[in-house]
Amino acid sequence: LLLDGPYRQEIGLQSFKMAILAAKGNGIFRVLSFALDLLDRHKHALSANKIRRVNIL
């Protein structure tokens, strides 16, 4: 489990088997960049085989 705060720190999501991205408010921009990176890696077969999306409002 890794919890990231509102500070500048590089996190290598590719080292994790599973990632659950959650955000609220302005934090969505950081999570969006993680999600786009994971999608790009998935397209090029550099990460997990499955991507699941869950929206919670």
N, C-alpha and C. Protein backbone atom coordinates (compact mmCIF):
# COMPACT_ATOMS: atom_id res chain seq x y z
N LEU A 1 0.86 -1.17 0.00
CA LEU A 1 0.00 0.00 0.00
C LEU A 1 0.89 1.22 0.00
N LEU A 2 0.60 2.14 -0.90
CA LEU A 2 1.36 3.39 -0.97
C LEU A 2 0.37 4.53 -1.01
N LEU A 3 0.48 5.44 -0.07
CA LEU A 3 -0.35 6.64 -0.06
C LEU A 3 0.54 7.82 -0.40
N ASP A 4 0.12 8.58 -1.39
CA ASP A 4 0.90 9.73 -1.82
C ASP A 4 0.19 11.00 -1.39
N GLY A 5 0.93 11.94 -0.92
CA GLY A 5 0.34 13.20 -0.48
C GLY A 5 0.47 14.28 -1.53
N PRO A 6 0.14 15.50 -1.17
CA PRO A 6 0.20 16.61 -2.12
C PRO A 6 1.60 17.23 -2.21
N TYR A 7 2.60 16.40 -2.36
CA TYR A 7 3.97 16.90 -2.46
C TYR A 7 4.60 16.32 -3.71
N ARG A 8 5.69 16.90 -4.13
CA ARG A 8 6.36 16.45 -5.36
C ARG A 8 7.32 15.31 -5.05
N GLN A 9 6.91 14.13 -5.46
CA GLN A 9 7.75 12.96 -5.27
C GLN A 9 7.45 12.00 -6.41
N GLU A 10 8.50 11.48 -7.02
CA GLU A 10 8.32 10.54 -8.11
C GLU A 10 7.91 9.18 -7.56
N ILE A 11 6.91 8.59 -8.17
CA ILE A 11 6.45 7.27 -7.78
C ILE A 11 6.47 6.40 -9.02
N GLY A 12 7.21 5.30 -8.95
CA GLY A 12 7.28 4.39 -10.09
C GLY A 12 6.16 3.37 -10.02
N LEU A 13 5.01 3.69 -10.60
CA LEU A 13 3.87 2.78 -10.54
C LEU A 13 4.14 1.47 -11.25
N GLN A 14 5.07 1.46 -12.19
CA GLN A 14 5.36 0.23 -12.94
C GLN A 14 5.92 -0.86 -12.03
N SER A 15 6.41 -0.51 -10.86
CA SER A 15 6.96 -1.51 -9.96
C SER A 15 5.87 -2.23 -9.15
N PHE A 16 4.63 -1.75 -9.24
CA PHE A 16 3.52 -2.36 -8.52
C PHE A 16 2.74 -3.29 -9.42
N LYS A 17 2.20 -4.35 -8.84
CA LYS A 17 1.38 -5.30 -9.58
C LYS A 17 -0.01 -4.73 -9.83
N MET A 18 -0.50 -3.94 -8.89
CA MET A 18 -1.83 -3.34 -8.99
C MET A 18 -1.77 -1.91 -8.47
N ALA A 19 -2.53 -1.04 -9.09
CA ALA A 19 -2.60 0.35 -8.64
C ALA A 19 -4.06 0.75 -8.52
N ILE A 20 -4.40 1.34 -7.40
CA ILE A 20 -5.73 1.91 -7.20
C ILE A 20 -5.51 3.41 -7.07
N LEU A 21 -6.04 4.14 -8.01
CA LEU A 21 -5.85 5.59 -8.03
C LEU A 21 -7.11 6.27 -7.53
N ALA A 22 -6.95 7.12 -6.54
CA ALA A 22 -8.09 7.85 -5.98
C ALA A 22 -7.67 9.29 -5.77
N ALA A 23 -8.59 10.19 -6.03
CA ALA A 23 -8.28 11.61 -5.86
C ALA A 23 -9.54 12.40 -5.59
N LYS A 24 -9.31 13.59 -5.09
CA LYS A 24 -10.41 14.50 -4.80
C LYS A 24 -9.90 15.91 -5.04
N GLY A 25 -10.73 16.77 -5.54
CA GLY A 25 -10.35 18.15 -5.76
C GLY A 25 -9.23 18.30 -6.77
N ASN A 26 -8.26 19.14 -6.45
CA ASN A 26 -7.13 19.37 -7.36
C ASN A 26 -6.22 18.16 -7.49
N GLY A 27 -6.32 17.20 -6.59
CA GLY A 27 -5.51 15.99 -6.66
C GLY A 27 -5.78 15.15 -7.90
N ILE A 28 -6.91 15.41 -8.56
CA ILE A 28 -7.27 14.64 -9.74
C ILE A 28 -6.24 14.80 -10.85
N PHE A 29 -5.59 15.95 -10.92
CA PHE A 29 -4.61 16.18 -11.99
C PHE A 29 -3.41 15.26 -11.84
N ARG A 30 -2.95 15.03 -10.63
CA ARG A 30 -1.82 14.12 -10.38
C ARG A 30 -2.22 12.69 -10.72
N VAL A 31 -3.41 12.29 -10.29
CA VAL A 31 -3.89 10.94 -10.57
C VAL A 31 -4.11 10.75 -12.06
N LEU A 32 -4.59 11.78 -12.74
CA LEU A 32 -4.80 11.69 -14.18
C LEU A 32 -3.48 11.44 -14.91
N SER A 33 -2.41 12.09 -14.47
CA SER A 33 -1.11 11.85 -15.11
C SER A 33 -0.64 10.41 -14.87
N PHE A 34 -0.90 9.87 -13.67
CA PHE A 34 -0.56 8.46 -13.41
C PHE A 34 -1.38 7.55 -14.33
N ALA A 35 -2.68 7.83 -14.44
CA ALA A 35 -3.56 7.00 -15.26
C ALA A 35 -3.14 7.03 -16.72
N LEU A 36 -2.80 8.20 -17.24
CA LEU A 36 -2.36 8.31 -18.63
C LEU A 36 -1.06 7.54 -18.86
N ASP A 37 -0.16 7.59 -17.89
CA ASP A 37 1.10 6.85 -18.01
C ASP A 37 0.83 5.34 -18.01
N LEU A 38 -0.06 4.88 -17.13
CA LEU A 38 -0.40 3.46 -17.08
C LEU A 38 -1.06 3.01 -18.38
N LEU A 39 -1.94 3.83 -18.94
CA LEU A 39 -2.59 3.49 -20.21
C LEU A 39 -1.58 3.42 -21.34
N ASP A 40 -0.63 4.35 -21.36
CA ASP A 40 0.40 4.34 -22.39
C ASP A 40 1.26 3.08 -22.27
N ARG A 41 1.64 2.73 -21.05
CA ARG A 41 2.43 1.51 -20.83
C ARG A 41 1.63 0.27 -21.23
N HIS A 42 0.34 0.28 -20.93
CA HIS A 42 -0.51 -0.85 -21.29
C HIS A 42 -0.58 -1.02 -22.81
N LYS A 43 -0.70 0.09 -23.52
CA LYS A 43 -0.74 0.04 -24.99
C LYS A 43 0.52 -0.57 -25.57
N HIS A 44 1.64 -0.32 -24.92
CA HIS A 44 2.92 -0.82 -25.41
C HIS A 44 3.36 -2.08 -24.67
N ALA A 45 2.42 -2.71 -23.95
CA ALA A 45 2.67 -3.98 -23.24
C ALA A 45 3.84 -3.89 -22.27
N LEU A 46 3.96 -2.76 -21.58
CA LEU A 46 5.03 -2.60 -20.61
C LEU A 46 4.53 -2.74 -19.18
N SER A 47 3.26 -3.04 -19.01
CA SER A 47 2.73 -3.16 -17.65
C SER A 47 1.68 -4.26 -17.60
N ALA A 48 0.80 -4.16 -16.63
CA ALA A 48 -0.20 -5.19 -16.36
C ALA A 48 -1.04 -5.53 -17.59
N ASN A 49 -1.61 -6.72 -17.58
CA ASN A 49 -2.43 -7.19 -18.69
C ASN A 49 -3.82 -6.58 -18.69
N LYS A 50 -4.32 -6.21 -17.53
CA LYS A 50 -5.69 -5.71 -17.43
C LYS A 50 -5.71 -4.33 -16.80
N ILE A 51 -6.63 -3.54 -17.28
CA ILE A 51 -6.89 -2.24 -16.66
C ILE A 51 -8.39 -2.19 -16.37
N ARG A 52 -8.73 -1.91 -15.15
CA ARG A 52 -10.13 -1.80 -14.75
C ARG A 52 -10.37 -0.37 -14.29
N ARG A 53 -11.51 0.16 -14.65
CA ARG A 53 -11.85 1.51 -14.23
C ARG A 53 -13.09 1.45 -13.35
N VAL A 54 -13.02 2.13 -12.23
CA VAL A 54 -14.16 2.23 -11.33
C VAL A 54 -14.34 3.70 -11.00
N ASN A 55 -15.53 4.21 -11.24
CA ASN A 55 -15.84 5.60 -10.89
C ASN A 55 -16.68 5.61 -9.63
N ILE A 56 -16.26 6.38 -8.66
CA ILE A 56 -17.03 6.54 -7.43
C ILE A 56 -17.27 8.02 -7.25
N LEU A 57 -18.52 8.38 -7.21
CA LEU A 57 -18.86 9.81 -7.06
C LEU A 57 -19.38 10.10 -5.69
